[in-house]
N, C-alpha and C. Protein backbone atom coordinates (compact mmCIF):
# COMPACT_ATOMS: atom_id res chain seq x y z
N MET A 1 87.04 66.73 -30.36
CA MET A 1 86.09 66.97 -29.39
C MET A 1 85.46 68.47 -29.25
N SER A 2 84.53 68.47 -28.86
CA SER A 2 84.09 69.75 -28.87
C SER A 2 84.26 70.30 -27.46
N GLU A 3 84.38 71.84 -27.44
CA GLU A 3 84.67 72.51 -26.14
C GLU A 3 83.36 72.72 -25.54
N PRO A 4 83.43 72.89 -24.17
CA PRO A 4 82.04 73.33 -23.38
C PRO A 4 81.61 74.73 -23.73
N VAL A 5 80.41 74.89 -23.87
CA VAL A 5 79.93 76.25 -24.10
C VAL A 5 79.77 76.87 -22.76
N THR A 6 80.32 78.13 -22.93
CA THR A 6 80.18 78.97 -21.73
C THR A 6 79.08 80.08 -22.00
N HIS A 7 78.14 80.30 -20.99
CA HIS A 7 77.11 81.25 -20.97
C HIS A 7 77.53 82.32 -20.37
N THR A 8 77.07 83.59 -20.90
CA THR A 8 77.18 84.81 -20.22
C THR A 8 76.10 85.21 -19.30
N GLY A 9 76.38 86.29 -18.55
CA GLY A 9 75.29 86.54 -17.48
C GLY A 9 73.85 86.58 -17.93
N THR A 10 73.55 87.22 -19.02
CA THR A 10 72.14 87.42 -19.40
C THR A 10 71.50 86.13 -19.65
N GLU A 11 72.38 85.23 -20.30
CA GLU A 11 71.77 84.04 -20.77
C GLU A 11 71.43 83.09 -19.34
N ALA A 12 72.23 83.36 -18.44
CA ALA A 12 72.17 82.50 -17.27
C ALA A 12 70.90 82.94 -16.40
N GLN A 13 70.43 84.07 -16.49
CA GLN A 13 69.13 84.50 -15.92
C GLN A 13 67.92 84.13 -16.48
N HIS A 14 68.04 83.79 -17.91
CA HIS A 14 66.87 83.38 -18.57
C HIS A 14 66.60 81.85 -18.45
N SER A 15 67.63 81.13 -18.26
CA SER A 15 67.64 79.81 -18.06
C SER A 15 67.29 79.21 -16.90
N ALA A 16 67.14 79.97 -15.81
CA ALA A 16 66.86 79.65 -14.35
C ALA A 16 65.45 78.96 -14.19
N GLY A 17 64.44 79.23 -15.12
CA GLY A 17 63.11 78.84 -14.99
C GLY A 17 62.10 79.64 -15.19
N PHE A 18 60.88 79.31 -14.78
CA PHE A 18 59.63 80.25 -15.21
C PHE A 18 59.53 81.32 -14.08
N PRO A 19 59.50 82.55 -14.51
CA PRO A 19 59.73 83.69 -13.54
C PRO A 19 58.73 83.85 -12.61
N PRO A 20 57.45 83.41 -12.67
CA PRO A 20 56.43 83.65 -11.44
C PRO A 20 56.68 82.64 -10.51
N PHE A 21 57.52 81.66 -10.75
CA PHE A 21 57.85 80.48 -9.81
C PHE A 21 59.21 80.69 -9.07
N LYS A 22 59.95 82.06 -9.40
CA LYS A 22 60.97 82.08 -8.89
C LYS A 22 60.89 82.75 -7.47
N THR A 23 61.27 82.35 -6.38
CA THR A 23 61.25 82.74 -5.16
C THR A 23 61.73 84.15 -4.76
N GLU A 24 62.61 84.56 -5.50
CA GLU A 24 63.17 86.04 -5.48
C GLU A 24 62.26 86.98 -5.81
N SER A 25 61.32 86.71 -6.68
CA SER A 25 60.46 87.86 -7.18
C SER A 25 58.92 87.69 -6.46
N PHE A 26 58.80 86.72 -5.46
CA PHE A 26 57.59 86.66 -4.64
C PHE A 26 57.15 87.88 -3.95
N PRO A 27 58.00 88.78 -3.24
CA PRO A 27 57.75 89.92 -2.52
C PRO A 27 57.09 90.82 -3.43
N SER A 28 57.61 91.08 -4.61
CA SER A 28 57.17 92.15 -5.73
C SER A 28 55.91 91.53 -6.21
N GLN A 29 55.57 90.30 -6.29
CA GLN A 29 54.51 89.93 -7.13
C GLN A 29 53.43 90.07 -6.23
N ILE A 30 53.49 89.78 -4.67
CA ILE A 30 52.63 89.85 -3.78
C ILE A 30 52.26 91.34 -3.63
N PHE A 31 53.16 92.19 -3.57
CA PHE A 31 52.77 93.67 -3.56
C PHE A 31 51.93 94.00 -4.87
N TRP A 32 52.33 93.66 -5.92
CA TRP A 32 51.61 94.26 -7.17
C TRP A 32 49.99 93.65 -7.22
N LEU A 33 50.04 92.31 -6.64
CA LEU A 33 48.87 91.46 -6.49
C LEU A 33 47.80 92.51 -5.61
N VAL A 34 48.40 92.82 -4.47
CA VAL A 34 47.76 93.57 -3.23
C VAL A 34 47.42 94.90 -3.71
N VAL A 35 48.18 95.49 -4.69
CA VAL A 35 47.96 97.08 -5.37
C VAL A 35 46.63 96.66 -6.41
N THR A 36 46.82 95.93 -7.07
CA THR A 36 45.93 95.70 -8.36
C THR A 36 44.68 95.14 -7.80
N PHE A 37 44.54 94.39 -6.87
CA PHE A 37 43.20 93.95 -6.18
C PHE A 37 42.60 95.22 -5.48
N ALA A 38 43.52 95.89 -4.69
CA ALA A 38 42.69 96.98 -4.01
C ALA A 38 42.25 97.97 -5.28
N ALA A 39 42.98 98.24 -6.27
CA ALA A 39 42.33 99.19 -7.23
C ALA A 39 41.18 98.70 -7.72
N LEU A 40 41.17 97.38 -8.08
CA LEU A 40 40.04 96.80 -8.80
C LEU A 40 38.87 96.76 -7.77
N PHE A 41 39.14 96.71 -6.45
CA PHE A 41 37.98 96.37 -5.54
C PHE A 41 37.40 98.04 -5.41
N ILE A 42 38.22 98.95 -5.27
CA ILE A 42 37.84 100.20 -5.25
C ILE A 42 36.87 100.68 -6.26
N VAL A 43 37.34 100.30 -7.56
CA VAL A 43 36.62 100.62 -8.72
C VAL A 43 35.24 99.94 -8.63
N LEU A 44 35.17 98.65 -8.14
CA LEU A 44 33.92 98.03 -8.12
C LEU A 44 33.17 98.57 -7.18
N TRP A 45 33.82 98.93 -6.05
CA TRP A 45 32.94 99.36 -4.88
C TRP A 45 32.49 100.72 -4.95
N ARG A 46 33.12 101.60 -5.72
CA ARG A 46 32.85 103.01 -5.77
C ARG A 46 31.90 103.31 -7.22
N VAL A 47 32.38 102.54 -8.20
CA VAL A 47 31.71 102.99 -9.59
C VAL A 47 30.75 101.59 -10.08
N ALA A 48 31.12 100.53 -10.23
CA ALA A 48 30.20 99.58 -10.50
C ALA A 48 29.22 99.01 -9.71
N GLY A 49 29.60 99.12 -8.40
CA GLY A 49 28.63 98.73 -7.37
C GLY A 49 27.32 99.27 -7.47
N PRO A 50 27.45 100.71 -7.21
CA PRO A 50 26.31 101.58 -7.39
C PRO A 50 25.50 101.42 -8.73
N ARG A 51 26.25 101.57 -9.68
CA ARG A 51 25.44 101.18 -11.15
C ARG A 51 24.58 99.94 -11.12
N ILE A 52 25.28 98.77 -10.52
CA ILE A 52 24.74 97.48 -10.50
C ILE A 52 23.39 97.51 -9.62
N SER A 53 23.63 98.20 -8.45
CA SER A 53 22.69 98.21 -7.42
C SER A 53 21.60 99.20 -8.05
N GLY A 54 21.92 100.25 -8.93
CA GLY A 54 20.79 101.14 -9.37
C GLY A 54 19.91 100.28 -10.41
N VAL A 55 20.69 99.53 -11.16
CA VAL A 55 19.80 98.47 -12.25
C VAL A 55 19.26 97.85 -11.61
N ILE A 56 19.64 96.87 -10.76
CA ILE A 56 18.89 96.12 -9.89
C ILE A 56 17.53 96.56 -9.16
N GLY A 57 17.70 97.77 -8.64
CA GLY A 57 16.83 98.47 -8.05
C GLY A 57 15.40 98.82 -9.10
N ALA A 58 16.14 99.34 -10.14
CA ALA A 58 15.02 99.72 -11.05
C ALA A 58 14.38 98.61 -11.63
N ARG A 59 14.97 97.54 -11.86
CA ARG A 59 14.40 96.06 -12.34
C ARG A 59 13.37 95.80 -11.43
N LYS A 60 13.90 95.84 -10.18
CA LYS A 60 12.92 95.40 -9.11
C LYS A 60 11.64 96.05 -8.78
N GLY A 61 11.94 97.58 -9.14
CA GLY A 61 10.72 98.36 -9.07
C GLY A 61 9.80 98.21 -10.36
N GLN A 62 10.42 98.15 -11.45
CA GLN A 62 9.69 97.72 -12.96
C GLN A 62 9.06 96.34 -12.54
N ILE A 63 9.49 95.45 -12.02
CA ILE A 63 8.85 94.04 -11.96
C ILE A 63 7.64 94.36 -10.83
N GLU A 64 7.82 94.99 -9.99
CA GLU A 64 6.63 95.28 -8.81
C GLU A 64 5.68 95.94 -9.62
N SER A 65 5.92 97.12 -10.26
CA SER A 65 4.83 97.74 -10.83
C SER A 65 4.09 97.17 -11.75
N ASP A 66 5.10 96.11 -12.62
CA ASP A 66 4.09 95.38 -13.57
C ASP A 66 3.32 94.35 -12.85
N ILE A 67 3.63 93.79 -11.77
CA ILE A 67 3.05 92.88 -11.03
C ILE A 67 1.61 93.65 -10.45
N LYS A 68 1.83 94.80 -10.19
CA LYS A 68 0.70 95.35 -9.47
C LYS A 68 -0.25 95.71 -10.79
N ALA A 69 0.21 96.06 -11.87
CA ALA A 69 -0.45 96.45 -12.82
C ALA A 69 -1.44 95.20 -13.50
N ALA A 70 -0.62 94.17 -13.48
CA ALA A 70 -1.26 92.81 -13.84
C ALA A 70 -2.25 92.30 -13.11
N GLU A 71 -2.14 92.56 -11.55
CA GLU A 71 -3.13 92.49 -10.56
C GLU A 71 -4.21 93.12 -10.78
N LYS A 72 -4.05 94.65 -11.01
CA LYS A 72 -5.18 95.42 -11.50
C LYS A 72 -5.89 95.24 -12.58
N HIS A 73 -5.36 94.77 -13.73
CA HIS A 73 -5.90 94.19 -15.06
C HIS A 73 -6.80 92.81 -14.65
N ARG A 74 -6.07 92.04 -13.88
CA ARG A 74 -6.78 90.86 -13.59
C ARG A 74 -8.07 91.16 -12.77
N SER A 75 -7.99 92.00 -11.86
CA SER A 75 -9.10 92.36 -10.94
C SER A 75 -10.17 93.00 -11.95
N ASP A 76 -9.84 93.85 -12.74
CA ASP A 76 -10.51 94.58 -13.64
C ASP A 76 -11.23 93.66 -14.54
N ALA A 77 -10.67 92.67 -15.11
CA ALA A 77 -11.10 91.63 -16.01
C ALA A 77 -12.24 90.65 -15.33
N GLU A 78 -12.01 90.51 -14.00
CA GLU A 78 -12.96 89.61 -13.16
C GLU A 78 -14.01 90.36 -13.06
N ALA A 79 -14.02 91.77 -12.72
CA ALA A 79 -15.23 92.66 -12.58
C ALA A 79 -15.91 92.59 -13.89
N ALA A 80 -15.27 92.71 -14.96
CA ALA A 80 -15.87 92.97 -16.25
C ALA A 80 -16.55 91.72 -16.47
N LEU A 81 -16.00 90.55 -16.20
CA LEU A 81 -16.62 89.10 -16.34
C LEU A 81 -17.87 88.98 -15.56
N ALA A 82 -17.74 89.49 -14.26
CA ALA A 82 -18.82 89.42 -13.34
C ALA A 82 -19.91 90.47 -13.96
N ALA A 83 -19.80 91.44 -14.52
CA ALA A 83 -20.70 92.53 -15.18
C ALA A 83 -21.34 91.72 -16.42
N TYR A 84 -20.47 91.10 -17.01
CA TYR A 84 -20.95 90.44 -18.43
C TYR A 84 -21.88 89.31 -18.04
N GLU A 85 -21.49 88.46 -16.90
CA GLU A 85 -22.39 87.44 -16.46
C GLU A 85 -23.81 87.85 -15.92
N THR A 86 -23.52 89.31 -15.22
CA THR A 86 -24.96 89.61 -14.49
C THR A 86 -25.73 90.13 -15.77
N ALA A 87 -25.05 90.66 -16.63
CA ALA A 87 -26.17 91.39 -17.78
C ALA A 87 -26.54 90.15 -18.51
N LEU A 88 -25.67 89.11 -18.70
CA LEU A 88 -26.32 88.02 -19.66
C LEU A 88 -27.47 87.26 -18.83
N ALA A 89 -27.30 87.14 -17.73
CA ALA A 89 -28.37 86.71 -16.79
C ALA A 89 -29.61 87.46 -16.65
N ASN A 90 -29.29 88.86 -16.59
CA ASN A 90 -30.69 89.89 -16.93
C ASN A 90 -31.14 89.68 -18.19
N ALA A 91 -30.18 89.51 -18.91
CA ALA A 91 -30.92 89.36 -20.50
C ALA A 91 -31.79 88.29 -20.81
N ARG A 92 -31.20 87.06 -20.13
CA ARG A 92 -31.90 85.74 -20.27
C ARG A 92 -33.20 85.87 -19.56
N ALA A 93 -33.34 86.43 -18.51
CA ALA A 93 -34.49 86.55 -17.65
C ALA A 93 -35.38 87.45 -18.31
N LYS A 94 -35.17 88.62 -18.72
CA LYS A 94 -35.87 89.25 -19.60
C LYS A 94 -36.61 88.79 -20.94
N ALA A 95 -35.81 88.11 -21.74
CA ALA A 95 -36.02 87.24 -22.89
C ALA A 95 -37.05 86.36 -22.62
N HIS A 96 -36.84 85.63 -21.45
CA HIS A 96 -37.73 84.53 -20.93
C HIS A 96 -39.09 85.12 -20.56
N ALA A 97 -39.05 86.36 -19.89
CA ALA A 97 -40.27 86.93 -19.30
C ALA A 97 -40.99 87.52 -20.48
N GLU A 98 -40.33 88.04 -21.59
CA GLU A 98 -40.94 88.56 -22.74
C GLU A 98 -41.63 87.38 -23.49
N ALA A 99 -40.84 86.41 -23.83
CA ALA A 99 -41.43 85.15 -24.33
C ALA A 99 -42.57 84.62 -23.63
N GLU A 100 -42.67 84.60 -22.43
CA GLU A 100 -43.67 84.12 -21.69
C GLU A 100 -44.96 85.13 -21.94
N ALA A 101 -44.75 86.38 -21.92
CA ALA A 101 -45.82 87.33 -22.16
C ALA A 101 -46.20 87.11 -23.44
N ASN A 102 -45.41 87.05 -24.54
CA ASN A 102 -45.81 86.90 -25.86
C ASN A 102 -46.64 85.62 -26.03
N ARG A 103 -46.06 84.54 -25.33
CA ARG A 103 -46.81 83.27 -25.38
C ARG A 103 -48.18 83.57 -24.92
N LYS A 104 -48.59 84.21 -23.71
CA LYS A 104 -49.79 84.42 -23.10
C LYS A 104 -50.56 85.27 -24.17
N VAL A 105 -50.02 86.32 -24.67
CA VAL A 105 -50.71 87.33 -25.67
C VAL A 105 -51.12 86.39 -26.93
N ILE A 106 -50.42 85.70 -27.30
CA ILE A 106 -50.69 84.69 -28.64
C ILE A 106 -51.81 83.62 -28.22
N GLU A 107 -51.62 83.18 -26.86
CA GLU A 107 -52.69 82.22 -26.64
C GLU A 107 -53.94 82.89 -26.47
N ALA A 108 -54.04 84.19 -26.00
CA ALA A 108 -55.17 84.81 -25.70
C ALA A 108 -55.87 85.29 -27.28
N GLU A 109 -55.00 85.62 -28.00
CA GLU A 109 -55.43 85.85 -29.38
C GLU A 109 -55.92 84.56 -30.05
N VAL A 110 -55.10 83.48 -29.84
CA VAL A 110 -55.68 82.15 -30.47
C VAL A 110 -56.88 81.73 -30.00
N ASP A 111 -57.40 82.00 -28.62
CA ASP A 111 -58.50 81.61 -27.89
C ASP A 111 -59.55 82.62 -28.42
N LYS A 112 -59.17 83.74 -28.77
CA LYS A 112 -60.36 84.80 -29.09
C LYS A 112 -60.68 84.62 -30.47
N ALA A 113 -59.57 84.12 -31.36
CA ALA A 113 -59.88 83.74 -32.95
C ALA A 113 -60.72 82.59 -32.75
N LYS A 114 -60.33 81.55 -31.99
CA LYS A 114 -61.12 80.40 -31.83
C LYS A 114 -62.77 80.48 -31.54
N ALA A 115 -62.81 81.59 -30.57
CA ALA A 115 -64.28 81.93 -30.04
C ALA A 115 -65.11 82.51 -31.20
N GLU A 116 -64.39 83.47 -31.96
CA GLU A 116 -64.86 84.20 -32.90
C GLU A 116 -65.29 83.11 -34.03
N ALA A 117 -64.33 82.09 -34.28
CA ALA A 117 -64.60 81.31 -35.39
C ALA A 117 -65.61 80.19 -35.11
N ASP A 118 -65.75 79.92 -33.82
CA ASP A 118 -66.87 79.11 -33.07
C ASP A 118 -68.06 79.97 -33.31
N ALA A 119 -68.21 81.30 -32.91
CA ALA A 119 -69.33 81.96 -32.71
C ALA A 119 -69.70 82.08 -34.54
N GLU A 120 -68.92 82.34 -35.38
CA GLU A 120 -69.11 82.40 -36.91
C GLU A 120 -69.68 81.01 -37.38
N ALA A 121 -68.94 79.79 -36.84
CA ALA A 121 -69.54 78.48 -37.26
C ALA A 121 -70.89 78.33 -36.86
N HIS A 122 -71.21 78.49 -35.47
CA HIS A 122 -72.47 78.56 -34.85
C HIS A 122 -73.54 79.22 -35.77
N ALA A 123 -73.15 80.61 -35.99
CA ALA A 123 -74.15 81.50 -36.64
C ALA A 123 -74.37 81.01 -38.25
N ALA A 124 -73.38 80.45 -38.64
CA ALA A 124 -73.40 79.89 -40.22
C ALA A 124 -74.31 78.62 -40.10
N ALA A 125 -74.04 77.59 -39.00
CA ALA A 125 -74.97 76.47 -38.87
C ALA A 125 -76.41 77.04 -38.55
N ALA A 126 -76.63 77.89 -37.63
CA ALA A 126 -77.79 78.10 -37.46
C ALA A 126 -78.78 78.71 -38.59
N LYS A 127 -77.75 79.55 -39.48
CA LYS A 127 -78.47 80.07 -40.90
C LYS A 127 -78.62 78.96 -41.68
N ALA A 128 -77.63 78.12 -41.72
CA ALA A 128 -77.75 77.05 -42.83
C ALA A 128 -79.11 76.32 -42.14
N GLU A 129 -79.30 75.86 -41.02
CA GLU A 129 -80.55 74.97 -40.46
C GLU A 129 -81.81 75.90 -40.77
N ALA A 130 -81.73 77.13 -40.53
CA ALA A 130 -82.91 77.94 -40.77
C ALA A 130 -83.12 77.82 -42.44
N GLY A 131 -82.08 77.80 -43.19
CA GLY A 131 -82.35 77.73 -44.89
C GLY A 131 -82.76 76.48 -45.06
N ILE A 132 -82.41 75.28 -44.27
CA ILE A 132 -82.79 74.24 -44.44
C ILE A 132 -84.32 73.86 -44.01
N ALA A 133 -84.80 74.64 -42.97
CA ALA A 133 -86.06 74.24 -42.37
C ALA A 133 -86.89 75.04 -43.31
N ALA A 134 -86.55 76.19 -43.85
CA ALA A 134 -87.19 77.20 -44.98
C ALA A 134 -87.28 76.26 -46.13
N ALA A 135 -86.42 75.63 -46.47
CA ALA A 135 -86.40 74.78 -47.76
C ALA A 135 -87.33 73.60 -47.57
N ARG A 136 -87.28 73.04 -46.25
CA ARG A 136 -88.11 72.04 -46.00
C ARG A 136 -89.67 72.34 -46.22
N ALA A 137 -89.85 73.47 -45.25
CA ALA A 137 -91.10 74.06 -45.70
C ALA A 137 -91.72 74.07 -46.81
N GLU A 138 -90.75 74.94 -47.66
CA GLU A 138 -91.19 75.24 -48.91
C GLU A 138 -91.23 73.91 -49.84
N ALA A 139 -90.51 73.00 -49.49
CA ALA A 139 -90.62 71.88 -49.90
C ALA A 139 -92.00 70.95 -49.73
N ALA A 140 -92.34 71.16 -48.48
CA ALA A 140 -93.40 70.51 -48.03
C ALA A 140 -94.53 71.28 -48.61
N THR A 141 -94.64 72.56 -48.82
CA THR A 141 -95.66 73.32 -49.48
C THR A 141 -95.91 73.00 -50.81
N HIS A 142 -94.88 72.53 -51.45
CA HIS A 142 -94.60 72.25 -52.98
C HIS A 142 -95.26 70.93 -53.17
N VAL A 143 -94.97 69.94 -52.10
CA VAL A 143 -95.11 68.71 -52.07
C VAL A 143 -96.85 68.73 -52.08
N THR A 144 -97.45 69.53 -50.90
CA THR A 144 -98.90 69.53 -50.57
C THR A 144 -99.56 70.15 -51.79
N LYS A 145 -99.00 70.98 -52.41
CA LYS A 145 -99.61 71.69 -53.50
C LYS A 145 -99.70 70.69 -54.99
N ALA A 146 -98.46 69.93 -54.70
CA ALA A 146 -98.19 68.77 -56.05
C ALA A 146 -99.40 67.78 -55.66
N ALA A 147 -99.51 67.41 -54.31
CA ALA A 147 -100.50 66.30 -54.12
C ALA A 147 -101.91 66.60 -54.31
N GLN A 148 -102.16 68.05 -54.06
CA GLN A 148 -103.50 68.65 -54.14
C GLN A 148 -103.89 68.68 -55.64
N ASP A 149 -102.79 69.08 -56.58
CA ASP A 149 -103.05 68.89 -58.10
C ASP A 149 -103.27 67.42 -58.48
N ALA A 150 -102.42 66.58 -58.10
CA ALA A 150 -102.40 65.27 -58.34
C ALA A 150 -103.61 64.55 -58.15
N ALA A 151 -104.26 64.96 -56.84
CA ALA A 151 -105.58 64.31 -56.43
C ALA A 151 -106.49 65.00 -57.27
N ALA A 152 -106.48 66.27 -57.50
CA ALA A 152 -107.62 66.84 -58.46
C ALA A 152 -107.62 66.07 -59.66
N GLY A 153 -106.45 65.87 -60.26
CA GLY A 153 -106.19 65.23 -61.57
C GLY A 153 -106.52 63.91 -61.67
N ILE A 154 -106.52 63.15 -60.33
CA ILE A 154 -106.85 61.70 -60.53
C ILE A 154 -108.45 61.24 -60.32
N VAL A 155 -108.75 62.39 -59.56
CA VAL A 155 -110.35 62.51 -59.44
C VAL A 155 -110.99 62.79 -60.90
N ASN A 156 -110.55 63.57 -61.39
CA ASN A 156 -110.86 64.29 -62.81
C ASN A 156 -110.97 62.96 -63.79
N ARG A 157 -109.70 62.35 -63.52
CA ARG A 157 -109.50 61.51 -64.73
C ARG A 157 -110.25 60.04 -64.36
N LEU A 158 -110.51 59.63 -63.08
CA LEU A 158 -110.95 58.62 -62.70
C LEU A 158 -112.59 58.48 -62.78
N ILE A 159 -113.10 59.80 -62.29
CA ILE A 159 -114.51 59.69 -62.19
C ILE A 159 -114.90 60.80 -63.29
N GLY A 160 -114.22 61.67 -63.65
CA GLY A 160 -114.48 62.69 -64.51
C GLY A 160 -115.09 63.93 -63.91
N VAL A 161 -114.96 64.06 -62.58
CA VAL A 161 -115.73 65.25 -61.82
C VAL A 161 -114.44 66.18 -61.63
N SER A 162 -114.61 67.42 -61.73
CA SER A 162 -113.78 68.43 -61.48
C SER A 162 -114.10 68.84 -59.94
N VAL A 163 -112.85 68.84 -59.30
CA VAL A 163 -112.67 69.09 -57.86
C VAL A 163 -111.92 70.44 -57.91
N SER A 164 -112.54 71.35 -56.77
CA SER A 164 -111.89 72.56 -56.52
C SER A 164 -110.65 72.33 -55.47
N PRO A 165 -109.85 73.39 -55.83
CA PRO A 165 -108.52 73.29 -55.11
C PRO A 165 -108.67 73.15 -53.61
N GLU A 166 -109.74 73.78 -53.09
CA GLU A 166 -110.14 73.72 -51.50
C GLU A 166 -110.59 72.32 -51.25
N GLN A 167 -111.17 71.79 -52.07
CA GLN A 167 -111.82 70.36 -51.83
C GLN A 167 -110.48 69.31 -51.74
N ALA A 168 -109.67 69.68 -52.80
CA ALA A 168 -108.35 68.82 -53.04
C ALA A 168 -107.48 68.98 -51.69
N ALA A 169 -107.45 70.13 -51.30
CA ALA A 169 -106.43 70.48 -50.20
C ALA A 169 -107.15 69.90 -48.88
N ALA A 170 -108.34 69.83 -48.82
CA ALA A 170 -109.03 69.22 -47.58
C ALA A 170 -109.04 67.67 -47.68
N ALA A 171 -109.00 67.26 -48.85
CA ALA A 171 -108.72 65.64 -48.97
C ALA A 171 -107.24 65.31 -48.67
N VAL A 172 -106.42 65.92 -49.24
CA VAL A 172 -105.00 65.68 -48.94
C VAL A 172 -104.65 65.89 -47.52
N LYS A 173 -105.34 66.81 -46.82
CA LYS A 173 -105.04 67.12 -45.44
C LYS A 173 -105.60 65.85 -44.69
N ALA A 174 -106.60 65.66 -45.03
CA ALA A 174 -107.23 64.39 -44.39
C ALA A 174 -106.62 63.32 -44.35
N VAL A 175 -106.09 62.75 -45.47
CA VAL A 175 -105.04 61.61 -45.82
C VAL A 175 -103.85 61.86 -44.98
N GLY A 176 -103.10 62.97 -44.87
CA GLY A 176 -101.82 63.43 -44.17
C GLY A 176 -102.05 63.19 -42.69
N ALA A 177 -103.06 63.49 -42.21
CA ALA A 177 -103.34 63.35 -40.76
C ALA A 177 -103.38 62.25 -40.36
């Protein structure tokens, strides 16, 4: 059979359990917890806290300045849009007025050109009518002369008598009336 194993003093202390759960060491654990917490609190309060507050304040200031700049840019853009729309409306009105003025000028020129063309056409028609009247008068003269010559020729052939041009003219005139 085997003999029971005896433990020395150091081995007995290690086998008693997990050290943080030993009730004999609670007061020293609580002391070091309070000291560590106090040191950490002081570091955070005096060092990290002001740095964090400074960064938050700087970011807040940057955000506020960015918002103000954005509002300024937005108002500038709205003003530019209003100016653009005003300029565009003015340009459209001016273009419409110029187009109307050009239309009136063109209508006046067309009316003037029509009047000139009508005057030229009337002058040409009057000239043509005068030419036609002159041609008719000339043709009538030629016809009368031809009738006089024919009458003289007919009398000469039929009866063998020579008729003077004045007599032939009187005879043609008497027959024509």
